[in-house]
Protein backbone atom coordinates (compact mmCIF):
# COMPACT_ATOMS: atom_id res chain seq x y z
CA MET A 1 7.04 -45.85 22.81
CA THR A 2 4.84 -43.46 24.97
CA PRO A 3 6.60 -40.04 25.32
CA THR A 4 6.96 -38.27 28.65
CA ILE A 5 6.33 -34.61 28.99
CA THR A 6 7.08 -32.38 32.12
CA ALA A 7 4.65 -30.00 33.67
CA PHE A 8 4.59 -27.69 36.83
CA GLU A 9 3.70 -29.86 39.94
CA ARG A 10 1.95 -26.28 41.16
CA SER A 11 1.39 -24.43 38.17
CA PRO A 12 1.24 -20.47 38.70
CA ASP A 13 -2.02 -20.24 36.30
CA ARG A 14 -3.97 -22.60 38.79
CA GLY A 15 -5.26 -24.80 35.92
CA ARG A 16 -6.38 -22.46 33.33
CA GLY A 17 -4.49 -23.83 30.57
CA LEU A 18 -1.86 -21.06 30.23
CA ALA A 19 1.36 -23.08 31.16
CA ARG A 20 3.11 -24.17 28.18
CA ASP A 21 2.96 -27.74 28.62
CA MET A 22 -0.69 -27.14 27.44
CA ARG A 23 0.49 -26.75 24.04
CA VAL A 24 2.31 -30.13 23.77
CA ARG A 25 -0.61 -31.92 25.56
CA TRP A 26 -2.89 -30.49 22.87
CA ALA A 27 -0.92 -31.41 20.23
CA LEU A 28 -0.64 -35.09 21.28
CA GLU A 29 -4.34 -35.39 21.81
CA GLU A 30 -4.97 -33.96 18.28
CA VAL A 31 -2.85 -36.72 16.75
CA GLY A 32 -3.97 -39.51 19.23
CA GLN A 33 -0.59 -40.08 20.76
CA ALA A 34 -0.70 -41.38 24.34
CA TYR A 35 1.66 -39.65 26.71
CA ASP A 36 2.64 -39.71 30.37
CA VAL A 37 3.36 -36.40 32.45
CA ARG A 38 5.98 -36.21 34.84
CA LEU A 39 5.21 -33.35 37.42
CA VAL A 40 8.28 -31.18 38.54
CA SER A 41 8.75 -28.71 41.43
CA PHE A 42 10.02 -25.24 41.23
CA SER A 43 13.04 -26.57 43.00
CA GLU A 44 13.67 -29.55 40.74
CA LEU A 45 13.71 -27.05 37.80
CA LYS A 46 16.94 -25.72 38.69
CA GLU A 47 18.42 -29.25 39.65
CA ALA A 48 21.01 -31.01 37.36
CA ALA A 49 18.73 -33.82 36.21
CA HIS A 50 16.39 -31.33 34.80
CA ARG A 51 18.88 -28.99 33.45
CA ARG A 52 20.16 -31.97 31.31
CA LEU A 53 16.58 -31.91 29.53
CA HIS A 54 16.12 -28.15 29.63
CA PRO A 55 19.14 -25.85 29.73
CA PHE A 56 17.14 -22.83 30.90
CA GLY A 57 15.36 -24.72 33.60
CA GLN A 58 11.84 -24.51 32.29
CA ILE A 59 8.66 -26.75 31.28
CA PRO A 60 7.78 -28.42 29.06
CA THR A 61 10.26 -31.02 28.10
CA TYR A 62 9.69 -34.27 25.95
CA GLU A 63 11.27 -37.39 26.17
CA GLU A 64 10.74 -40.50 23.90
CA GLY A 65 13.32 -43.29 24.09
CA ASP A 66 16.90 -41.42 23.79
CA LEU A 67 15.51 -38.22 22.07
CA ALA A 68 14.82 -35.37 24.57
CA LEU A 69 13.47 -32.04 23.44
CA PHE A 70 12.54 -28.79 25.11
CA GLU A 71 10.61 -25.45 23.85
CA SER A 72 7.00 -26.03 23.29
CA GLY A 73 7.07 -24.82 19.88
CA ALA A 74 9.97 -27.02 18.62
CA ILE A 75 8.09 -30.06 20.53
CA VAL A 76 4.77 -29.18 18.82
CA PHE A 77 6.57 -29.16 15.47
CA HIS A 78 8.11 -32.58 16.28
CA ILE A 79 4.90 -33.98 16.97
CA ALA A 80 3.39 -32.35 13.91
CA GLN A 81 6.12 -34.02 11.76
CA ARG A 82 5.95 -37.24 13.13
CA HIS A 83 2.10 -37.74 13.04
CA ALA A 84 -0.78 -36.79 10.43
CA GLY A 85 -3.27 -34.31 11.50
CA LEU A 86 -1.31 -30.89 12.42
CA LEU A 87 0.43 -30.18 9.25
CA PRO A 88 -1.23 -30.23 5.56
CA ASP A 89 0.10 -32.80 3.22
CA ASP A 90 0.25 -30.13 0.51
CA ALA A 91 3.99 -28.77 0.61
CA LYS A 92 2.96 -25.13 0.11
CA ALA A 93 0.00 -25.30 2.55
CA ARG A 94 2.16 -27.01 4.95
CA ALA A 95 5.02 -24.19 4.74
CA ARG A 96 2.11 -21.59 5.34
CA ALA A 97 1.08 -23.59 8.48
CA ILE A 98 4.88 -23.72 9.63
CA THR A 99 4.90 -19.85 9.08
CA TRP A 100 2.04 -19.31 11.40
CA MET A 101 3.72 -21.41 14.08
CA PHE A 102 6.66 -18.96 14.01
CA ALA A 103 4.49 -15.98 13.62
CA ALA A 104 2.52 -17.07 16.63
CA LEU A 105 5.67 -17.36 19.03
CA ASN A 106 8.07 -14.81 17.66
CA THR A 107 5.32 -11.83 16.50
CA VAL A 108 2.14 -12.25 18.51
CA GLU A 109 3.30 -13.70 21.76
CA PRO A 110 6.03 -11.42 22.67
CA PRO A 111 4.05 -8.13 23.29
CA ILE A 112 1.30 -10.29 24.87
CA PHE A 113 3.55 -12.19 27.28
CA GLU A 114 5.58 -8.97 28.05
CA ARG A 115 2.25 -7.36 29.16
CA SER A 116 1.53 -9.92 31.39
CA MET A 117 4.85 -9.93 33.21
CA ALA A 118 4.54 -6.13 33.61
CA ILE A 119 1.26 -6.52 35.38
CA ILE A 120 2.90 -9.29 37.68
CA VAL A 121 6.31 -7.78 38.57
CA GLU A 122 6.19 -3.84 37.72
CA ARG A 123 2.75 -3.00 39.26
CA GLU A 124 4.48 -1.22 42.05
CA LYS A 125 6.69 1.09 39.94
CA ALA A 126 5.81 4.62 39.29
CA TRP A 127 5.93 4.29 35.80
CA HIS A 128 3.96 1.13 35.47
CA GLU A 129 0.60 2.63 34.12
CA GLU A 130 2.27 4.47 31.29
CA ARG A 131 4.15 1.42 30.57
CA LEU A 132 1.28 -0.67 30.47
CA ARG A 133 -0.56 1.49 28.00
CA LEU A 134 2.33 1.46 25.77
CA LEU A 135 2.51 -2.41 26.14
CA GLU A 136 -1.34 -2.67 25.55
CA ASP A 137 -0.98 -0.39 22.53
CA ARG A 138 1.34 -3.08 20.69
CA VAL A 139 -1.02 -5.88 21.51
CA HIS A 140 -3.82 -4.07 20.02
CA VAL A 141 -1.60 -3.55 16.81
CA ARG A 142 -0.98 -7.25 16.46
CA LEU A 143 -4.38 -8.02 17.33
CA GLY A 144 -5.86 -5.95 14.59
CA GLU A 145 -3.53 -7.28 12.06
CA LEU A 146 -4.24 -10.99 12.81
CA SER A 147 -8.16 -10.30 12.90
CA GLY A 148 -7.74 -8.72 9.61
CA ARG A 149 -5.81 -11.41 8.17
CA LEU A 150 -8.19 -14.12 9.66
CA GLY A 151 -11.17 -12.24 8.40
CA ASP A 152 -14.33 -14.66 8.25
CA ALA A 153 -12.27 -17.77 8.03
CA ASN A 154 -12.39 -20.68 10.59
CA TRP A 155 -8.54 -21.33 10.46
CA LEU A 156 -5.61 -19.24 9.41
CA GLU A 157 -5.04 -21.53 6.39
CA GLY A 158 -8.31 -22.90 5.71
CA VAL A 159 -7.94 -26.11 7.98
CA PHE A 160 -6.85 -26.49 11.50
CA SER A 161 -3.17 -26.82 11.80
CA ALA A 162 -0.12 -26.47 14.57
CA GLY A 163 -0.30 -22.76 13.46
CA ASP A 164 -3.62 -22.32 14.80
CA LEU A 165 -2.86 -24.51 17.79
CA LEU A 166 0.05 -22.42 18.91
CA MET A 167 -1.80 -19.23 17.92
CA VAL A 168 -4.73 -19.90 20.29
CA THR A 169 -2.55 -20.80 23.23
CA VAL A 170 -0.81 -17.17 22.73
CA LEU A 171 -4.11 -15.50 22.49
CA ARG A 172 -5.72 -17.26 25.60
CA ARG A 173 -3.22 -15.43 27.71
CA LEU A 174 -5.65 -12.28 27.25
CA VAL A 175 -8.86 -13.99 28.14
CA GLY A 176 -10.26 -11.97 30.92
CA SER A 177 -8.00 -8.91 30.21
CA GLY A 178 -11.02 -7.07 28.24
CA ILE A 179 -8.84 -6.65 25.34
CA LEU A 180 -9.96 -9.48 23.16
CA GLU A 181 -13.67 -8.31 23.25
CA ASN A 182 -12.58 -5.46 20.92
CA TYR A 183 -11.78 -8.41 18.30
CA PRO A 184 -14.91 -10.66 17.98
CA ARG A 185 -13.41 -12.46 15.03
CA LEU A 186 -10.80 -13.72 17.59
CA CYS A 187 -13.08 -14.42 20.44
CA ALA A 188 -14.99 -16.72 17.86
CA TYR A 189 -11.63 -18.37 16.53
CA ILE A 190 -10.46 -19.07 20.21
CA ALA A 191 -13.96 -20.42 21.00
CA ARG A 192 -13.89 -22.84 17.98
CA ALA A 193 -10.45 -24.12 18.90
CA GLU A 194 -11.84 -24.77 22.54
CA ALA A 195 -14.38 -26.72 21.45
CA ARG A 196 -12.32 -29.25 19.81
CA PRO A 197 -12.47 -32.53 21.71
CA ALA A 198 -8.71 -32.51 21.67
CA TYR A 199 -8.26 -29.26 23.31
CA GLN A 200 -10.76 -30.25 26.05
CA ARG A 201 -8.94 -33.17 26.91
CA ALA A 202 -5.58 -31.47 27.11
CA PHE A 203 -7.35 -28.75 29.46
CA GLU A 204 -8.68 -31.36 31.51
CA GLY A 205 -5.35 -32.97 31.76
CA GLN A 206 -3.67 -29.95 32.92
CA LEU A 207 -6.40 -28.88 35.15
CA SER A 208 -6.41 -32.15 36.93
CA VAL A 209 -2.76 -31.28 38.21
CA PHE A 210 -4.28 -28.41 40.26
CA THR A 211 -7.18 -30.51 41.34
CA GLY A 212 -5.07 -33.60 42.09
CA GLN A 213 -6.29 -36.12 39.70
CA PRO A 214 -4.40 -38.32 37.69
CA THR A 215 -2.02 -36.97 34.82
CA THR A 216 -1.98 -39.46 32.05
CA GLY A 217 -2.76 -38.57 28.60
C-alpha cells in the first residue's frame, strides 16, 4: 500500500528543504518506497480532520492503511524499521544509529531551532542581540562536540543511517547563517548527504510544491 504524507501547501521555507516533511520524503526515497503527498493549508492544519492525524496541528503526518503517524522522527523510525537501508543489521550498530536519531532531535536541534525562532519572532525586542549571542554560543558548543565526534569519518557510525539523515536535516537549518563555516567537517558531512540521489529526489519533490509541479514521490 502506498503511504500518504502531508506537507505545507505554502511552505514558509519557500522550497529550501527545511520543512520537516523533507525528512520523511528523504527516508522514503532512500528505501525506494513510493508515496503520495497531500498538501495542507495553514487553516486546514487546525481543522478537526487534520487534528485527528496530528493532535498539535502540524506537518508531516503519515498514513498507510489504518496506520496514522505524526512527528517526523517517529515516522522516519517507522520507515527505517519497515525497510532495509536506514538501520544496520548488526544489533549494536543498529542501537547506535537509533541513538544518533535521538541525539539529532533532542540534543542538537533544540538550540538551532530556538536560534531560528528568536531571529523570526524576537528581532524587535530590546534584548534580542544579547539573547541571540547566548543562543549562538549554545549552538557552537553542540557543533564543536558533533564535529569532534564525527572526525574524519564520512558518517556518524561508519555507514549512512537514519541518524545521519536526521542530523543533516537539523544542521541544514544553519545554512547561510555563517556559523557552519567554522566547522569544515560538518560542511563536508552535509555536502556528502546532499549528494545522495535520494536526498536530491526528496529536495526536488519539496521544491516542486513551491514551483507548482507534481508532488508524488
